[in-house]
Amino acid sequence: KTIRFEPRLPEWKEEAIRELTVGVENKIVLHFGQVFWPNVEFIGVVSSSTYGCSYFLNLHKATGHPVLVYMPAGRLARDIEKMSDEAAAQFAFSQLKKILPNAAEPVSSLLAIT
């Protein structure tokens, strides 16, 4: 109730605002020796359920460095938070291997849990 609208919003809009939440989307940065993926902005992970859907952000396009950032969200992100850093990075790489079976192993990784 920090922001007040004048005139006051209808109750149904105020209720909708009260129910807004911020979701979880974590980042697992995978640094590779060289680029082996297509020159696209995103590489999506498709799954039979929303739980398994995620994507990789291609930082090579913006930085010139061979880096992909795995972006899991929701319950999947929360479950990955329970893993060790090494296990989380390995999980991210396993997701990439589903899309690009000949993917090279990353040379390093970094987790950004938010």
PDB file of N, CA and C in Angstrom:
ATOM      1  N   LYS A   1       0.816  -1.204   0.000  1.00  0.00           N
ATOM      2  CA  LYS A   1       0.000   0.000   0.000  1.00  0.00           C
ATOM      3  C   LYS A   1       0.850   1.254   0.000  1.00  0.00           C
ATOM      4  N   THR A   2       2.033   1.170  -0.562  1.00  0.00           N
ATOM      5  CA  THR A   2       2.916   2.322  -0.652  1.00  0.00           C
ATOM      6  C   THR A   2       2.420   3.307  -1.706  1.00  0.00           C
ATOM      7  N   ILE A   3       1.918   2.775  -2.804  1.00  0.00           N
ATOM      8  CA  ILE A   3       1.420   3.611  -3.888  1.00  0.00           C
ATOM      9  C   ILE A   3      -0.101   3.720  -3.764  1.00  0.00           C
ATOM     10  N   ARG A   4      -0.585   4.930  -3.844  1.00  0.00           N
ATOM     11  CA  ARG A   4      -2.032   5.171  -3.782  1.00  0.00           C
ATOM     12  C   ARG A   4      -2.484   5.787  -5.093  1.00  0.00           C
ATOM     13  N   PHE A   5      -3.552   5.261  -5.622  1.00  0.00           N
ATOM     14  CA  PHE A   5      -4.110   5.770  -6.864  1.00  0.00           C
ATOM     15  C   PHE A   5      -5.254   6.727  -6.566  1.00  0.00           C
ATOM     16  N   GLU A   6      -5.281   7.837  -7.303  1.00  0.00           N
ATOM     17  CA  GLU A   6      -6.371   8.802  -7.187  1.00  0.00           C
ATOM     18  C   GLU A   6      -6.896   9.043  -8.590  1.00  0.00           C
ATOM     19  N   PRO A   7      -8.085   8.742  -8.934  1.00  0.00           N
ATOM     20  CA  PRO A   7      -9.050   8.105  -8.041  1.00  0.00           C
ATOM     21  C   PRO A   7      -8.644   6.661  -7.749  1.00  0.00           C
ATOM     22  N   ARG A   8      -9.188   6.150  -6.684  1.00  0.00           N
ATOM     23  CA  ARG A   8      -8.890   4.783  -6.245  1.00  0.00           C
ATOM     24  C   ARG A   8      -9.281   3.784  -7.328  1.00  0.00           C
ATOM     25  N   LEU A   9      -8.454   2.735  -7.453  1.00  0.00           N
ATOM     26  CA  LEU A   9      -8.726   1.669  -8.414  1.00  0.00           C
ATOM     27  C   LEU A   9      -9.911   0.836  -7.948  1.00  0.00           C
ATOM     28  N   PRO A  10     -10.582   0.192  -8.893  1.00  0.00           N
ATOM     29  CA  PRO A  10     -11.633  -0.742  -8.485  1.00  0.00           C
ATOM     30  C   PRO A  10     -11.040  -1.852  -7.612  1.00  0.00           C
ATOM     31  N   GLU A  11     -11.825  -2.411  -6.736  1.00  0.00           N
ATOM     32  CA  GLU A  11     -11.351  -3.442  -5.800  1.00  0.00           C
ATOM     33  C   GLU A  11     -10.722  -4.623  -6.530  1.00  0.00           C
ATOM     34  N   TRP A  12     -11.288  -5.040  -7.645  1.00  0.00           N
ATOM     35  CA  TRP A  12     -10.740  -6.201  -8.350  1.00  0.00           C
ATOM     36  C   TRP A  12      -9.327  -5.927  -8.859  1.00  0.00           C
ATOM     37  N   LYS A  13      -9.017  -4.677  -9.218  1.00  0.00           N
ATOM     38  CA  LYS A  13      -7.654  -4.345  -9.646  1.00  0.00           C
ATOM     39  C   LYS A  13      -6.704  -4.304  -8.454  1.00  0.00           C
ATOM     40  N   GLU A  14      -7.172  -3.753  -7.344  1.00  0.00           N
ATOM     41  CA  GLU A  14      -6.330  -3.744  -6.144  1.00  0.00           C
ATOM     42  C   GLU A  14      -6.023  -5.165  -5.683  1.00  0.00           C
ATOM     43  N   GLU A  15      -7.006  -6.036  -5.777  1.00  0.00           N
ATOM     44  CA  GLU A  15      -6.810  -7.455  -5.422  1.00  0.00           C
ATOM     45  C   GLU A  15      -5.765  -8.095  -6.334  1.00  0.00           C
ATOM     46  N   ALA A  16      -5.844  -7.827  -7.622  1.00  0.00           N
ATOM     47  CA  ALA A  16      -4.876  -8.381  -8.571  1.00  0.00           C
ATOM     48  C   ALA A  16      -3.467  -7.898  -8.246  1.00  0.00           C
ATOM     49  N   ILE A  17      -3.319  -6.635  -7.917  1.00  0.00           N
ATOM     50  CA  ILE A  17      -2.010  -6.082  -7.561  1.00  0.00           C
ATOM     51  C   ILE A  17      -1.478  -6.745  -6.294  1.00  0.00           C
ATOM     52  N   ARG A  18      -2.328  -6.955  -5.303  1.00  0.00           N
ATOM     53  CA  ARG A  18      -1.896  -7.603  -4.055  1.00  0.00           C
ATOM     54  C   ARG A  18      -1.404  -9.026  -4.312  1.00  0.00           C
ATOM     55  N   GLU A  19      -1.945  -9.668  -5.299  1.00  0.00           N
ATOM     56  CA  GLU A  19      -1.599 -11.066  -5.580  1.00  0.00           C
ATOM     57  C   GLU A  19      -0.349 -11.216  -6.451  1.00  0.00           C
ATOM     58  N   LEU A  20       0.180 -10.126  -6.979  1.00  0.00           N
ATOM     59  CA  LEU A  20       1.375 -10.212  -7.813  1.00  0.00           C
ATOM     60  C   LEU A  20       2.565 -10.698  -6.997  1.00  0.00           C
ATOM     61  N   THR A  21       3.349 -11.572  -7.585  1.00  0.00           N
ATOM     62  CA  THR A  21       4.574 -12.045  -6.943  1.00  0.00           C
ATOM     63  C   THR A  21       5.693 -12.030  -7.972  1.00  0.00           C
ATOM     64  N   VAL A  22       6.885 -12.138  -7.492  1.00  0.00           N
ATOM     65  CA  VAL A  22       8.048 -12.216  -8.360  1.00  0.00           C
ATOM     66  C   VAL A  22       8.517 -13.665  -8.346  1.00  0.00           C
ATOM     67  N   GLY A  23       8.714 -14.226  -9.521  1.00  0.00           N
ATOM     68  CA  GLY A  23       9.142 -15.606  -9.627  1.00  0.00           C
ATOM     69  C   GLY A  23      10.650 -15.750  -9.528  1.00  0.00           C
ATOM     70  N   VAL A  24      11.096 -16.971  -9.589  1.00  0.00           N
ATOM     71  CA  VAL A  24      12.516 -17.295  -9.489  1.00  0.00           C
ATOM     72  C   VAL A  24      13.033 -17.666 -10.871  1.00  0.00           C
ATOM     73  N   GLU A  25      14.162 -17.085 -11.246  1.00  0.00           N
ATOM     74  CA  GLU A  25      14.870 -17.498 -12.459  1.00  0.00           C
ATOM     75  C   GLU A  25      16.352 -17.403 -12.144  1.00  0.00           C
ATOM     76  N   ASN A  26      16.989 -18.546 -12.049  1.00  0.00           N
ATOM     77  CA  ASN A  26      18.403 -18.593 -11.718  1.00  0.00           C
ATOM     78  C   ASN A  26      19.249 -18.632 -12.982  1.00  0.00           C
ATOM     79  N   LYS A  27      20.538 -18.449 -12.798  1.00  0.00           N
ATOM     80  CA  LYS A  27      21.455 -18.428 -13.924  1.00  0.00           C
ATOM     81  C   LYS A  27      22.646 -19.334 -13.639  1.00  0.00           C
ATOM     82  N   ILE A  28      22.974 -20.159 -14.604  1.00  0.00           N
ATOM     83  CA  ILE A  28      24.171 -20.992 -14.515  1.00  0.00           C
ATOM     84  C   ILE A  28      24.988 -20.669 -15.757  1.00  0.00           C
ATOM     85  N   VAL A  29      26.120 -20.024 -15.537  1.00  0.00           N
ATOM     86  CA  VAL A  29      26.975 -19.555 -16.627  1.00  0.00           C
ATOM     87  C   VAL A  29      27.950 -20.666 -16.992  1.00  0.00           C
ATOM     88  N   LEU A  30      27.960 -21.026 -18.267  1.00  0.00           N
ATOM     89  CA  LEU A  30      28.882 -22.048 -18.768  1.00  0.00           C
ATOM     90  C   LEU A  30      29.828 -21.391 -19.773  1.00  0.00           C
ATOM     91  N   HIS A  31      31.114 -21.442 -19.469  1.00  0.00           N
ATOM     92  CA  HIS A  31      32.139 -20.861 -20.342  1.00  0.00           C
ATOM     93  C   HIS A  31      32.824 -21.998 -21.099  1.00  0.00           C
ATOM     94  N   PHE A  32      32.910 -21.858 -22.406  1.00  0.00           N
ATOM     95  CA  PHE A  32      33.478 -22.904 -23.260  1.00  0.00           C
ATOM     96  C   PHE A  32      34.768 -22.428 -23.921  1.00  0.00           C
ATOM     97  N   GLY A  33      35.519 -23.372 -24.445  1.00  0.00           N
ATOM     98  CA  GLY A  33      36.755 -23.050 -25.152  1.00  0.00           C
ATOM     99  C   GLY A  33      36.499 -22.382 -26.490  1.00  0.00           C
ATOM    100  N   GLN A  34      35.392 -22.736 -27.107  1.00  0.00           N
ATOM    101  CA  GLN A  34      35.026 -22.139 -28.393  1.00  0.00           C
ATOM    102  C   GLN A  34      33.530 -22.293 -28.615  1.00  0.00           C
ATOM    103  N   VAL A  35      33.009 -21.519 -29.537  1.00  0.00           N
ATOM    104  CA  VAL A  35      31.584 -21.571 -29.863  1.00  0.00           C
ATOM    105  C   VAL A  35      31.316 -22.776 -30.753  1.00  0.00           C
ATOM    106  N   PHE A  36      30.311 -23.560 -30.408  1.00  0.00           N
ATOM    107  CA  PHE A  36      29.894 -24.713 -31.209  1.00  0.00           C
ATOM    108  C   PHE A  36      28.396 -24.681 -31.474  1.00  0.00           C
ATOM    109  N   TRP A  37      27.708 -23.652 -31.000  1.00  0.00           N
ATOM    110  CA  TRP A  37      26.257 -23.552 -31.101  1.00  0.00           C
ATOM    111  C   TRP A  37      25.880 -22.561 -32.200  1.00  0.00           C
ATOM    112  N   PRO A  38      24.619 -22.602 -32.632  1.00  0.00           N
ATOM    113  CA  PRO A  38      24.173 -21.680 -33.683  1.00  0.00           C
ATOM    114  C   PRO A  38      24.184 -20.225 -33.205  1.00  0.00           C
ATOM    115  N   ASN A  39      24.307 -19.302 -34.134  1.00  0.00           N
ATOM    116  CA  ASN A  39      24.373 -17.871 -33.840  1.00  0.00           C
ATOM    117  C   ASN A  39      22.963 -17.310 -33.645  1.00  0.00           C
ATOM    118  N   VAL A  40      22.353 -17.676 -32.511  1.00  0.00           N
ATOM    119  CA  VAL A  40      20.995 -17.252 -32.169  1.00  0.00           C
ATOM    120  C   VAL A  40      21.022 -16.616 -30.780  1.00  0.00           C
ATOM    121  N   GLU A  41      19.966 -15.868 -30.443  1.00  0.00           N
ATOM    122  CA  GLU A  41      19.892 -15.229 -29.126  1.00  0.00           C
ATOM    123  C   GLU A  41      19.664 -16.248 -28.013  1.00  0.00           C
ATOM    124  N   PHE A  42      18.720 -17.165 -28.255  1.00  0.00           N
ATOM    125  CA  PHE A  42      18.301 -18.139 -27.247  1.00  0.00           C
ATOM    126  C   PHE A  42      18.305 -19.537 -27.839  1.00  0.00           C
ATOM    127  N   ILE A  43      18.577 -20.517 -26.974  1.00  0.00           N
ATOM    128  CA  ILE A  43      18.459 -21.928 -27.335  1.00  0.00           C
ATOM    129  C   ILE A  43      17.505 -22.523 -26.304  1.00  0.00           C
ATOM    130  N   GLY A  44      16.332 -22.962 -26.742  1.00  0.00           N
ATOM    131  CA  GLY A  44      15.307 -23.423 -25.825  1.00  0.00           C
ATOM    132  C   GLY A  44      15.368 -24.903 -25.517  1.00  0.00           C
ATOM    133  N   VAL A  45      15.012 -25.245 -24.287  1.00  0.00           N
ATOM    134  CA  VAL A  45      14.875 -26.626 -23.838  1.00  0.00           C
ATOM    135  C   VAL A  45      13.377 -26.921 -23.800  1.00  0.00           C
ATOM    136  N   VAL A  46      12.935 -27.832 -24.630  1.00  0.00           N
ATOM    137  CA  VAL A  46      11.517 -28.173 -24.702  1.00  0.00           C
ATOM    138  C   VAL A  46      11.287 -29.440 -23.895  1.00  0.00           C
ATOM    139  N   SER A  47      10.187 -29.466 -23.158  1.00  0.00           N
ATOM    140  CA  SER A  47       9.882 -30.597 -22.299  1.00  0.00           C
ATOM    141  C   SER A  47       8.398 -30.918 -22.395  1.00  0.00           C
ATOM    142  N   SER A  48       8.042 -32.099 -21.954  1.00  0.00           N
ATOM    143  CA  SER A  48       6.628 -32.490 -21.958  1.00  0.00           C
ATOM    144  C   SER A  48       5.854 -31.815 -20.823  1.00  0.00           C
ATOM    145  N   SER A  49       6.573 -31.149 -19.893  1.00  0.00           N
ATOM    146  CA  SER A  49       5.904 -30.424 -18.811  1.00  0.00           C
ATOM    147  C   SER A  49       6.580 -29.067 -18.643  1.00  0.00           C
ATOM    148  N   THR A  50       5.883 -28.131 -18.024  1.00  0.00           N
ATOM    149  CA  THR A  50       6.478 -26.819 -17.793  1.00  0.00           C
ATOM    150  C   THR A  50       7.680 -26.915 -16.859  1.00  0.00           C
ATOM    151  N   TYR A  51       7.718 -27.923 -16.027  1.00  0.00           N
ATOM    152  CA  TYR A  51       8.824 -28.091 -15.090  1.00  0.00           C
ATOM    153  C   TYR A  51      10.166 -28.160 -15.811  1.00  0.00           C
ATOM    154  N   GLY A  52      10.217 -28.848 -16.922  1.00  0.00           N
ATOM    155  CA  GLY A  52      11.480 -29.061 -17.615  1.00  0.00           C
ATOM    156  C   GLY A  52      11.838 -28.014 -18.647  1.00  0.00           C
ATOM    157  N   CYS A  53      10.961 -27.065 -18.899  1.00  0.00           N
ATOM    158  CA  CYS A  53      11.239 -26.044 -19.911  1.00  0.00           C
ATOM    159  C   CYS A  53      12.187 -24.983 -19.355  1.00  0.00           C
ATOM    160  N   SER A  54      13.153 -24.615 -20.160  1.00  0.00           N
ATOM    161  CA  SER A  54      14.132 -23.595 -19.779  1.00  0.00           C
ATOM    162  C   SER A  54      14.818 -23.143 -21.060  1.00  0.00           C
ATOM    163  N   TYR A  55      15.845 -22.320 -20.916  1.00  0.00           N
ATOM    164  CA  TYR A  55      16.547 -21.879 -22.116  1.00  0.00           C
ATOM    165  C   TYR A  55      17.974 -21.474 -21.781  1.00  0.00           C
ATOM    166  N   PHE A  56      18.772 -21.355 -22.825  1.00  0.00           N
ATOM    167  CA  PHE A  56      20.132 -20.858 -22.729  1.00  0.00           C
ATOM    168  C   PHE A  56      20.193 -19.515 -23.432  1.00  0.00           C
ATOM    169  N   LEU A  57      20.807 -18.546 -22.799  1.00  0.00           N
ATOM    170  CA  LEU A  57      21.041 -17.239 -23.376  1.00  0.00           C
ATOM    171  C   LEU A  57      22.449 -17.259 -23.967  1.00  0.00           C
ATOM    172  N   ASN A  58      22.568 -16.863 -25.229  1.00  0.00           N
ATOM    173  CA  ASN A  58      23.849 -16.866 -25.920  1.00  0.00           C
ATOM    174  C   ASN A  58      24.558 -15.535 -25.678  1.00  0.00           C
ATOM    175  N   LEU A  59      25.539 -15.506 -24.787  1.00  0.00           N
ATOM    176  CA  LEU A  59      26.269 -14.270 -24.524  1.00  0.00           C
ATOM    177  C   LEU A  59      27.330 -13.983 -25.576  1.00  0.00           C
ATOM    178  N   HIS A  60      27.648 -14.965 -26.401  1.00  0.00           N
ATOM    179  CA  HIS A  60      28.644 -14.736 -27.445  1.00  0.00           C
ATOM    180  C   HIS A  60      28.211 -13.614 -28.378  1.00  0.00           C
ATOM    181  N   LYS A  61      26.931 -13.536 -28.660  1.00  0.00           N
ATOM    182  CA  LYS A  61      26.427 -12.485 -29.555  1.00  0.00           C
ATOM    183  C   LYS A  61      26.710 -11.093 -29.000  1.00  0.00           C
ATOM    184  N   ALA A  62      26.631 -10.933 -27.695  1.00  0.00           N
ATOM    185  CA  ALA A  62      26.805  -9.617 -27.081  1.00  0.00           C
ATOM    186  C   ALA A  62      28.241  -9.326 -26.648  1.00  0.00           C
ATOM    187  N   THR A  63      28.985 -10.369 -26.267  1.00  0.00           N
ATOM    188  CA  THR A  63      30.299 -10.142 -25.660  1.00  0.00           C
ATOM    189  C   THR A  63      31.471 -10.645 -26.502  1.00  0.00           C
ATOM    190  N   GLY A  64      31.199 -11.566 -27.430  1.00  0.00           N
ATOM    191  CA  GLY A  64      32.284 -12.173 -28.187  1.00  0.00           C
ATOM    192  C   GLY A  64      32.950 -13.323 -27.455  1.00  0.00           C
ATOM    193  N   HIS A  65      32.505 -13.620 -26.239  1.00  0.00           N
ATOM    194  CA  HIS A  65      33.072 -14.724 -25.457  1.00  0.00           C
ATOM    195  C   HIS A  65      32.196 -15.967 -25.617  1.00  0.00           C
ATOM    196  N   PRO A  66      32.795 -17.154 -25.638  1.00  0.00           N
ATOM    197  CA  PRO A  66      32.028 -18.396 -25.809  1.00  0.00           C
ATOM    198  C   PRO A  66      31.307 -18.805 -24.528  1.00  0.00           C
ATOM    199  N   VAL A  67      30.205 -18.102 -24.240  1.00  0.00           N
ATOM    200  CA  VAL A  67      29.481 -18.291 -22.983  1.00  0.00           C
ATOM    201  C   VAL A  67      27.997 -18.487 -23.262  1.00  0.00           C
ATOM    202  N   LEU A  68      27.430 -19.501 -22.608  1.00  0.00           N
ATOM    203  CA  LEU A  68      25.987 -19.712 -22.582  1.00  0.00           C
ATOM    204  C   LEU A  68      25.535 -19.618 -21.132  1.00  0.00           C
ATOM    205  N   VAL A  69      24.354 -19.032 -20.921  1.00  0.00           N
ATOM    206  CA  VAL A  69      23.801 -18.937 -19.575  1.00  0.00           C
ATOM    207  C   VAL A  69      22.504 -19.740 -19.544  1.00  0.00           C
ATOM    208  N   TYR A  70      22.493 -20.776 -18.719  1.00  0.00           N
ATOM    209  CA  TYR A  70      21.295 -21.600 -18.552  1.00  0.00           C
ATOM    210  C   TYR A  70      20.359 -20.867 -17.598  1.00  0.00           C
ATOM    211  N   MET A  71      19.067 -20.750 -17.979  1.00  0.00           N
ATOM    212  CA  MET A  71      18.091 -19.962 -17.224  1.00  0.00           C
ATOM    213  C   MET A  71      16.892 -20.813 -16.803  1.00  0.00           C
ATOM    214  N   PRO A  72      17.023 -21.606 -15.739  1.00  0.00           N
ATOM    215  CA  PRO A  72      15.859 -22.347 -15.236  1.00  0.00           C
ATOM    216  C   PRO A  72      14.988 -21.441 -14.380  1.00  0.00           C
ATOM    217  N   ALA A  73      13.694 -21.716 -14.363  1.00  0.00           N
ATOM    218  CA  ALA A  73      12.766 -20.891 -13.583  1.00  0.00           C
ATOM    219  C   ALA A  73      11.828 -21.772 -12.757  1.00  0.00           C
ATOM    220  N   GLY A  74      11.097 -21.133 -11.856  1.00  0.00           N
ATOM    221  CA  GLY A  74      10.060 -21.806 -11.091  1.00  0.00           C
ATOM    222  C   GLY A  74      10.573 -22.926 -10.205  1.00  0.00           C
ATOM    223  N   ARG A  75       9.793 -24.015 -10.146  1.00  0.00           N
ATOM    224  CA  ARG A  75      10.142 -25.166  -9.286  1.00  0.00           C
ATOM    225  C   ARG A  75      11.471 -25.778  -9.690  1.00  0.00           C
ATOM    226  N   LEU A  76      11.747 -25.815 -11.006  1.00  0.00           N
ATOM    227  CA  LEU A  76      13.025 -26.358 -11.467  1.00  0.00           C
ATOM    228  C   LEU A  76      14.184 -25.551 -10.888  1.00  0.00           C
ATOM    229  N   ALA A  77      14.076 -24.228 -10.907  1.00  0.00           N
ATOM    230  CA  ALA A  77      15.121 -23.372 -10.346  1.00  0.00           C
ATOM    231  C   ALA A  77      15.296 -23.646  -8.853  1.00  0.00           C
ATOM    232  N   ARG A  78      14.190 -23.796  -8.138  1.00  0.00           N
ATOM    233  CA  ARG A  78      14.256 -24.080  -6.694  1.00  0.00           C
ATOM    234  C   ARG A  78      14.934 -25.426  -6.430  1.00  0.00           C
ATOM    235  N   ASP A  79      14.628 -26.422  -7.253  1.00  0.00           N
ATOM    236  CA  ASP A  79      15.259 -27.732  -7.075  1.00  0.00           C
ATOM    237  C   ASP A  79      16.755 -27.666  -7.379  1.00  0.00           C
ATOM    238  N   ILE A  80      17.141 -26.900  -8.365  1.00  0.00           N
ATOM    239  CA  ILE A  80      18.559 -26.761  -8.695  1.00  0.00           C
ATOM    240  C   ILE A  80      19.303 -26.055  -7.562  1.00  0.00           C
ATOM    241  N   GLU A  81      18.635 -25.149  -6.869  1.00  0.00           N
ATOM    242  CA  GLU A  81      19.257 -24.457  -5.735  1.00  0.00           C
ATOM    243  C   GLU A  81      19.689 -25.432  -4.644  1.00  0.00           C
ATOM    244  N   LYS A  82      19.070 -26.585  -4.579  1.00  0.00           N
ATOM    245  CA  LYS A  82      19.397 -27.595  -3.556  1.00  0.00           C
ATOM    246  C   LYS A  82      20.641 -28.406  -3.935  1.00  0.00           C
ATOM    247  N   MET A  83      21.094 -28.266  -5.177  1.00  0.00           N
ATOM    248  CA  MET A  83      22.256 -29.021  -5.655  1.00  0.00           C
ATOM    249  C   MET A  83      23.551 -28.302  -5.299  1.00  0.00           C
ATOM    250  N   SER A  84      24.645 -29.053  -5.311  1.00  0.00           N
ATOM    251  CA  SER A  84      25.953 -28.413  -5.199  1.00  0.00           C
ATOM    252  C   SER A  84      26.201 -27.614  -6.483  1.00  0.00           C
ATOM    253  N   ASP A  85      27.137 -26.691  -6.436  1.00  0.00           N
ATOM    254  CA  ASP A  85      27.454 -25.903  -7.634  1.00  0.00           C
ATOM    255  C   ASP A  85      27.871 -26.810  -8.788  1.00  0.00           C
ATOM    256  N   GLU A  86      28.687 -27.803  -8.475  1.00  0.00           N
ATOM    257  CA  GLU A  86      29.157 -28.727  -9.505  1.00  0.00           C
ATOM    258  C   GLU A  86      28.001 -29.518 -10.108  1.00  0.00           C
ATOM    259  N   ALA A  87      27.106 -30.020  -9.276  1.00  0.00           N
ATOM    260  CA  ALA A  87      25.954 -30.784  -9.766  1.00  0.00           C
ATOM    261  C   ALA A  87      25.025 -29.902 -10.595  1.00  0.00           C
ATOM    262  N   ALA A  88      24.831 -28.652 -10.178  1.00  0.00           N
ATOM    263  CA  ALA A  88      23.976 -27.729 -10.926  1.00  0.00           C
ATOM    264  C   ALA A  88      24.573 -27.442 -12.299  1.00  0.00           C
ATOM    265  N   ALA A  89      25.882 -27.209 -12.351  1.00  0.00           N
ATOM    266  CA  ALA A  89      26.542 -26.959 -13.640  1.00  0.00           C
ATOM    267  C   ALA A  89      26.450 -28.192 -14.533  1.00  0.00           C
ATOM    268  N   GLN A  90      26.615 -29.366 -13.948  1.00  0.00           N
ATOM    269  CA  GLN A  90      26.508 -30.607 -14.719  1.00  0.00           C
ATOM    270  C   GLN A  90      25.078 -30.795 -15.234  1.00  0.00           C
ATOM    271  N   PHE A  91      24.089 -30.450 -14.424  1.00  0.00           N
ATOM    272  CA  PHE A  91      22.699 -30.535 -14.861  1.00  0.00           C
ATOM    273  C   PHE A  91      22.462 -29.609 -16.050  1.00  0.00           C
ATOM    274  N   ALA A  92      22.950 -28.371 -15.941  1.00  0.00           N
ATOM    275  CA  ALA A  92      22.793 -27.415 -17.045  1.00  0.00           C
ATOM    276  C   ALA A  92      23.428 -27.971 -18.316  1.00  0.00           C
ATOM    277  N   PHE A  93      24.623 -28.525 -18.183  1.00  0.00           N
ATOM    278  CA  PHE A  93      25.297 -29.089 -19.352  1.00  0.00           C
ATOM    279  C   PHE A  93      24.519 -30.272 -19.919  1.00  0.00           C
ATOM    280  N   SER A  94      23.912 -31.075 -19.057  1.00  0.00           N
ATOM    281  CA  SER A  94      23.118 -32.208 -19.539  1.00  0.00           C
ATOM    282  C   SER A  94      21.911 -31.719 -20.350  1.00  0.00           C
ATOM    283  N   GLN A  95      21.353 -30.575 -19.964  1.00  0.00           N
ATOM    284  CA  GLN A  95      20.244 -30.001 -20.723  1.00  0.00           C
ATOM    285  C   GLN A  95      20.723 -29.536 -22.097  1.00  0.00           C
ATOM    286  N   LEU A  96      21.903 -28.955 -22.137  1.00  0.00           N
ATOM    287  CA  LEU A  96      22.473 -28.520 -23.414  1.00  0.00           C
ATOM    288  C   LEU A  96      22.749 -29.721 -24.315  1.00  0.00           C
ATOM    289  N   LYS A  97      23.230 -30.816 -23.736  1.00  0.00           N
ATOM    290  CA  LYS A  97      23.534 -32.026 -24.523  1.00  0.00           C
ATOM    291  C   LYS A  97      22.271 -32.623 -25.144  1.00  0.00           C
ATOM    292  N   LYS A  98      21.107 -32.391 -24.523  1.00  0.00           N
ATOM    293  CA  LYS A  98      19.862 -32.874 -25.118  1.00  0.00           C
ATOM    294  C   LYS A  98      19.569 -32.152 -26.430  1.00  0.00           C
ATOM    295  N   ILE A  99      19.989 -30.904 -26.517  1.00  0.00           N
ATOM    296  CA  ILE A  99      19.742 -30.099 -27.710  1.00  0.00           C
ATOM    297  C   ILE A  99      20.890 -30.254 -28.710  1.00  0.00           C
ATOM    298  N   LEU A 100      22.102 -30.192 -28.186  1.00  0.00           N
ATOM    299  CA  LEU A 100      23.307 -30.274 -29.013  1.00  0.00           C
ATOM    300  C   LEU A 100      24.154 -31.451 -28.528  1.00  0.00           C
ATOM    301  N   PRO A 101      23.870 -32.662 -29.017  1.00  0.00           N
ATOM    302  CA  PRO A 101      24.553 -33.858 -28.502  1.00  0.00           C
ATOM    303  C   PRO A 101      26.076 -33.815 -28.584  1.00  0.00           C
ATOM    304  N   ASN A 102      26.630 -33.057 -29.515  1.00  0.00           N
ATOM    305  CA  ASN A 102      28.086 -32.991 -29.664  1.00  0.00           C
ATOM    306  C   ASN A 102      28.695 -31.805 -28.923  1.00  0.00           C
ATOM    307  N   ALA A 103      27.974 -31.249 -27.959  1.00  0.00           N
ATOM    308  CA  ALA A 103      28.466 -30.098 -27.210  1.00  0.00           C
ATOM    309  C   ALA A 103      29.758 -30.431 -26.479  1.00  0.00           C
ATOM    310  N   ALA A 104      30.696 -29.485 -26.526  1.00  0.00           N
ATOM    311  CA  ALA A 104      31.964 -29.642 -25.807  1.00  0.00           C
ATOM    312  C   ALA A 104      31.744 -29.350 -24.333  1.00  0.00           C
ATOM    313  N   GLU A 105      32.536 -29.966 -23.478  1.00  0.00           N
ATOM    314  CA  GLU A 105      32.463 -29.717 -22.036  1.00  0.00           C
ATOM    315  C   GLU A 105      32.848 -28.263 -21.751  1.00  0.00           C
ATOM    316  N   PRO A 106      32.162 -27.634 -20.804  1.00  0.00           N
ATOM    317  CA  PRO A 106      32.567 -26.266 -20.435  1.00  0.00           C
ATOM    318  C   PRO A 106      33.925 -26.278 -19.735  1.00  0.00           C
ATOM    319  N   VAL A 107      34.668 -25.180 -19.884  1.00  0.00           N
ATOM    320  CA  VAL A 107      35.961 -25.071 -19.200  1.00  0.00           C
ATOM    321  C   VAL A 107      35.794 -24.508 -17.794  1.00  0.00           C
ATOM    322  N   SER A 108      34.677 -23.784 -17.564  1.00  0.00           N
ATOM    323  CA  SER A 108      34.371 -23.283 -16.231  1.00  0.00           C
ATOM    324  C   SER A 108      32.886 -22.964 -16.139  1.00  0.00           C
ATOM    325  N   SER A 109      32.429 -22.767 -14.909  1.00  0.00           N
ATOM    326  CA  SER A 109      31.018 -22.436 -14.701  1.00  0.00           C
ATOM    327  C   SER A 109      30.888 -21.529 -13.496  1.00  0.00           C
ATOM    328  N   LEU A 110      29.763 -20.835 -13.429  1.00  0.00           N
ATOM    329  CA  LEU A 110      29.455 -19.933 -12.323  1.00  0.00           C
ATOM    330  C   LEU A 110      27.961 -19.945 -12.102  1.00  0.00           C
ATOM    331  N   LEU A 111      27.536 -20.045 -10.856  1.00  0.00           N
ATOM    332  CA  LEU A 111      26.109 -20.013 -10.534  1.00  0.00           C
ATOM    333  C   LEU A 111      25.727 -18.667  -9.970  1.00  0.00           C
ATOM    334  N   ALA A 112      24.572 -18.174 -10.426  1.00  0.00           N
ATOM    335  CA  ALA A 112      24.005 -16.932  -9.896  1.00  0.00           C
ATOM    336  C   ALA A 112      22.590 -17.262  -9.449  1.00  0.00           C
ATOM    337  N   ILE A 113      22.435 -17.572  -8.192  1.00  0.00           N
ATOM    338  CA  ILE A 113      21.149 -17.945  -7.630  1.00  0.00           C
ATOM    339  C   ILE A 113      20.493 -16.663  -7.122  1.00  0.00           C
ATOM    340  N   THR A 114      19.298 -16.366  -7.684  1.00  0.00           N
ATOM    341  CA  THR A 114      18.600 -15.132  -7.294  1.00  0.00           C
ATOM    342  C   THR A 114      17.226 -15.423  -6.762  1.00  0.00           C
TER     343      THR A 114
END
